[in-house]
Amino acid sequence: MSRRYPLRTGFKRVTGLFAFWEYAGFPHVLGGPVMSMAADGRIQAETYGGGVFRPIKIVPRAVGQVMLDKIEALSREHRAAEVKFRDEWRAKIEALIPEAGK
C-alpha cells in the first residue's frame, strides 16, 4: 500500500494508471502508479514522495506493474554483470601487478 501524499495544486486525482519517466542513471527509466495528472501531461506519482514527473509512457496500472517488475529484474541482472566485469578486470590487473590487490 502506498503512502497517501497531498494532491498538488492544478492536478486532478486519477486511478488505474501507471507512468514511466526518464531517469539519468541506469535503468534510465523509473515508474510508478499515478495519483494525479495536470492538464499539461505531468503526473504526480503515488511513490517517489508524491513527486511530479513528465511521463514518457502511461499504461494501465496492472500492465505497468508487470513492466516495472521486468525492469527491476533487468536492473538486478545488470548489477550482477557489472560486478562480474569489474572482478574480471581487477583480476587481470592483479595478475600483472599482484601488489595492486593488497
C-alpha atoms as a PDB file:
ATOM      1  CA  MET A   1       0.000   0.000   0.000  1.00  0.00           C
ATOM      2  CA  SER A   2       1.357   3.408  -0.980  1.00  0.00           C
ATOM      3  CA  ARG A   3       1.502   6.344   1.356  1.00  0.00           C
ATOM      4  CA  ARG A   4      -1.086   8.999   0.507  1.00  0.00           C
ATOM      5  CA  TYR A   5       0.591  12.285  -0.466  1.00  0.00           C
ATOM      6  CA  PRO A   6      -1.233  15.625  -0.703  1.00  0.00           C
ATOM      7  CA  LEU A   7      -2.708  16.413  -4.091  1.00  0.00           C
ATOM      8  CA  ARG A   8      -0.626  19.037  -5.904  1.00  0.00           C
ATOM      9  CA  THR A   9      -2.224  22.297  -6.951  1.00  0.00           C
ATOM     10  CA  GLY A  10      -3.565  22.097 -10.509  1.00  0.00           C
ATOM     11  CA  PHE A  11      -3.650  18.288 -10.519  1.00  0.00           C
ATOM     12  CA  LYS A  12      -6.737  16.072 -10.681  1.00  0.00           C
ATOM     13  CA  ARG A  13      -6.885  12.694  -8.964  1.00  0.00           C
ATOM     14  CA  VAL A  14      -6.851   9.675 -11.291  1.00  0.00           C
ATOM     15  CA  THR A  15      -6.918   5.940 -10.707  1.00  0.00           C
ATOM     16  CA  GLY A  16      -5.828   2.844 -12.570  1.00  0.00           C
ATOM     17  CA  LEU A  17      -2.799   4.296 -14.380  1.00  0.00           C
ATOM     18  CA  PHE A  18       0.936   3.640 -14.217  1.00  0.00           C
ATOM     19  CA  ALA A  19       3.528   6.009 -15.690  1.00  0.00           C
ATOM     20  CA  PHE A  20       7.173   5.777 -16.669  1.00  0.00           C
ATOM     21  CA  TRP A  21       9.555   8.713 -16.886  1.00  0.00           C
ATOM     22  CA  GLU A  22      13.188   9.195 -17.891  1.00  0.00           C
ATOM     23  CA  TYR A  23      15.954   8.892 -15.304  1.00  0.00           C
ATOM     24  CA  ALA A  24      19.626   9.800 -15.758  1.00  0.00           C
ATOM     25  CA  GLY A  25      21.034   6.645 -14.118  1.00  0.00           C
ATOM     26  CA  PHE A  26      20.522   3.011 -15.004  1.00  0.00           C
ATOM     27  CA  PRO A  27      17.936   1.711 -15.866  1.00  0.00           C
ATOM     28  CA  HIS A  28      17.272   5.148 -17.423  1.00  0.00           C
ATOM     29  CA  VAL A  29      13.561   4.872 -16.680  1.00  0.00           C
ATOM     30  CA  LEU A  30      11.580   4.855 -13.440  1.00  0.00           C
ATOM     31  CA  GLY A  31       7.893   4.296 -12.937  1.00  0.00           C
ATOM     32  CA  GLY A  32       5.060   4.130 -10.508  1.00  0.00           C
ATOM     33  CA  PRO A  33       1.313   4.302 -10.046  1.00  0.00           C
ATOM     34  CA  VAL A  34      -0.231   7.640 -10.984  1.00  0.00           C
ATOM     35  CA  MET A  35      -2.032   9.527  -8.232  1.00  0.00           C
ATOM     36  CA  SER A  36      -2.981  12.629 -10.199  1.00  0.00           C
ATOM     37  CA  MET A  37      -2.438  14.401 -13.509  1.00  0.00           C
ATOM     38  CA  ALA A  38      -2.131  18.006 -14.640  1.00  0.00           C
ATOM     39  CA  ALA A  39      -3.597  19.418 -17.843  1.00  0.00           C
ATOM     40  CA  ASP A  40      -0.062  19.765 -19.284  1.00  0.00           C
ATOM     41  CA  GLY A  41       0.502  15.979 -19.016  1.00  0.00           C
ATOM     42  CA  ARG A  42       2.647  15.896 -15.892  1.00  0.00           C
ATOM     43  CA  ILE A  43       1.787  13.222 -13.357  1.00  0.00           C
ATOM     44  CA  GLN A  44       2.078  13.004  -9.603  1.00  0.00           C
ATOM     45  CA  ALA A  45       3.296   9.575  -8.536  1.00  0.00           C
ATOM     46  CA  GLU A  46       1.920   7.595  -5.600  1.00  0.00           C
ATOM     47  CA  THR A  47       5.553   6.688  -4.940  1.00  0.00           C
ATOM     48  CA  TYR A  48       8.767   8.750  -5.020  1.00  0.00           C
ATOM     49  CA  GLY A  49       7.450  11.098  -2.348  1.00  0.00           C
ATOM     50  CA  GLY A  50       4.471  12.094  -4.446  1.00  0.00           C
ATOM     51  CA  GLY A  51       6.892  13.663  -6.912  1.00  0.00           C
ATOM     52  CA  VAL A  52       5.826  15.239 -10.183  1.00  0.00           C
ATOM     53  CA  PHE A  53       7.213  13.839 -13.435  1.00  0.00           C
ATOM     54  CA  ARG A  54       6.722  14.223 -17.174  1.00  0.00           C
ATOM     55  CA  PRO A  55       5.876  10.698 -18.340  1.00  0.00           C
ATOM     56  CA  ILE A  56       7.212   9.086 -21.477  1.00  0.00           C
ATOM     57  CA  LYS A  57       4.649   6.269 -21.255  1.00  0.00           C
ATOM     58  CA  ILE A  58       1.327   5.785 -19.454  1.00  0.00           C
ATOM     59  CA  VAL A  59      -0.318   2.365 -19.308  1.00  0.00           C
ATOM     60  CA  PRO A  60      -2.996   0.635 -17.241  1.00  0.00           C
ATOM     61  CA  ARG A  61      -1.792   0.036 -13.688  1.00  0.00           C
ATOM     62  CA  ALA A  62      -1.611  -3.775 -13.947  1.00  0.00           C
ATOM     63  CA  VAL A  63       0.364  -3.581 -17.209  1.00  0.00           C
ATOM     64  CA  GLY A  64       2.731  -1.028 -15.699  1.00  0.00           C
ATOM     65  CA  GLN A  65       3.420  -3.166 -12.653  1.00  0.00           C
ATOM     66  CA  VAL A  66       4.380  -6.098 -14.889  1.00  0.00           C
ATOM     67  CA  MET A  67       6.661  -3.801 -16.899  1.00  0.00           C
ATOM     68  CA  LEU A  68       8.256  -2.413 -13.727  1.00  0.00           C
ATOM     69  CA  ASP A  69       8.857  -5.929 -12.388  1.00  0.00           C
ATOM     70  CA  LYS A  70      10.688  -6.754 -15.641  1.00  0.00           C
ATOM     71  CA  ILE A  71      12.740  -3.544 -15.442  1.00  0.00           C
ATOM     72  CA  GLU A  72      13.711  -4.371 -11.852  1.00  0.00           C
ATOM     73  CA  ALA A  73      14.760  -7.898 -12.911  1.00  0.00           C
ATOM     74  CA  LEU A  74      16.876  -6.418 -15.712  1.00  0.00           C
ATOM     75  CA  SER A  75      18.433  -3.994 -13.217  1.00  0.00           C
ATOM     76  CA  ARG A  76      19.450  -6.905 -10.977  1.00  0.00           C
ATOM     77  CA  GLU A  77      20.995  -8.688 -13.990  1.00  0.00           C
ATOM     78  CA  HIS A  78      22.801  -5.500 -14.964  1.00  0.00           C
ATOM     79  CA  ARG A  79      24.231  -5.073 -11.468  1.00  0.00           C
ATOM     80  CA  ALA A  80      25.454  -8.688 -11.381  1.00  0.00           C
ATOM     81  CA  ALA A  81      27.086  -8.265 -14.805  1.00  0.00           C
ATOM     82  CA  GLU A  82      28.815  -5.056 -13.645  1.00  0.00           C
ATOM     83  CA  VAL A  83      30.213  -6.804 -10.560  1.00  0.00           C
ATOM     84  CA  LYS A  84      31.453  -9.743 -12.645  1.00  0.00           C
ATOM     85  CA  PHE A  85      33.028  -7.413 -15.218  1.00  0.00           C
ATOM     86  CA  ARG A  86      34.785  -5.378 -12.525  1.00  0.00           C
ATOM     87  CA  ASP A  87      36.068  -8.529 -10.770  1.00  0.00           C
ATOM     88  CA  GLU A  88      37.433  -9.957 -14.042  1.00  0.00           C
ATOM     89  CA  TRP A  89      39.331  -6.762 -14.837  1.00  0.00           C
ATOM     90  CA  ARG A  90      40.602  -6.425 -11.286  1.00  0.00           C
ATOM     91  CA  ALA A  91      41.990  -9.988 -11.563  1.00  0.00           C
ATOM     92  CA  LYS A  92      43.774  -9.049 -14.803  1.00  0.00           C
ATOM     93  CA  ILE A  93      45.444  -6.067 -13.135  1.00  0.00           C
ATOM     94  CA  GLU A  94      46.383  -8.123 -10.085  1.00  0.00           C
ATOM     95  CA  ALA A  95      47.891 -10.796 -12.361  1.00  0.00           C
ATOM     96  CA  LEU A  96      50.074  -8.098 -13.867  1.00  0.00           C
ATOM     97  CA  ILE A  97      50.852  -6.373 -10.550  1.00  0.00           C
ATOM     98  CA  PRO A  98      49.951  -8.639  -7.597  1.00  0.00           C
ATOM     99  CA  GLU A  99      50.590  -5.819  -5.125  1.00  0.00           C
ATOM    100  CA  ALA A 100      47.698  -3.833  -6.658  1.00  0.00           C
ATOM    101  CA  GLY A 101      45.125  -6.029  -4.944  1.00  0.00           C
ATOM    102  CA  LYS A 102      46.533  -5.728  -1.452  1.00  0.00           C
END
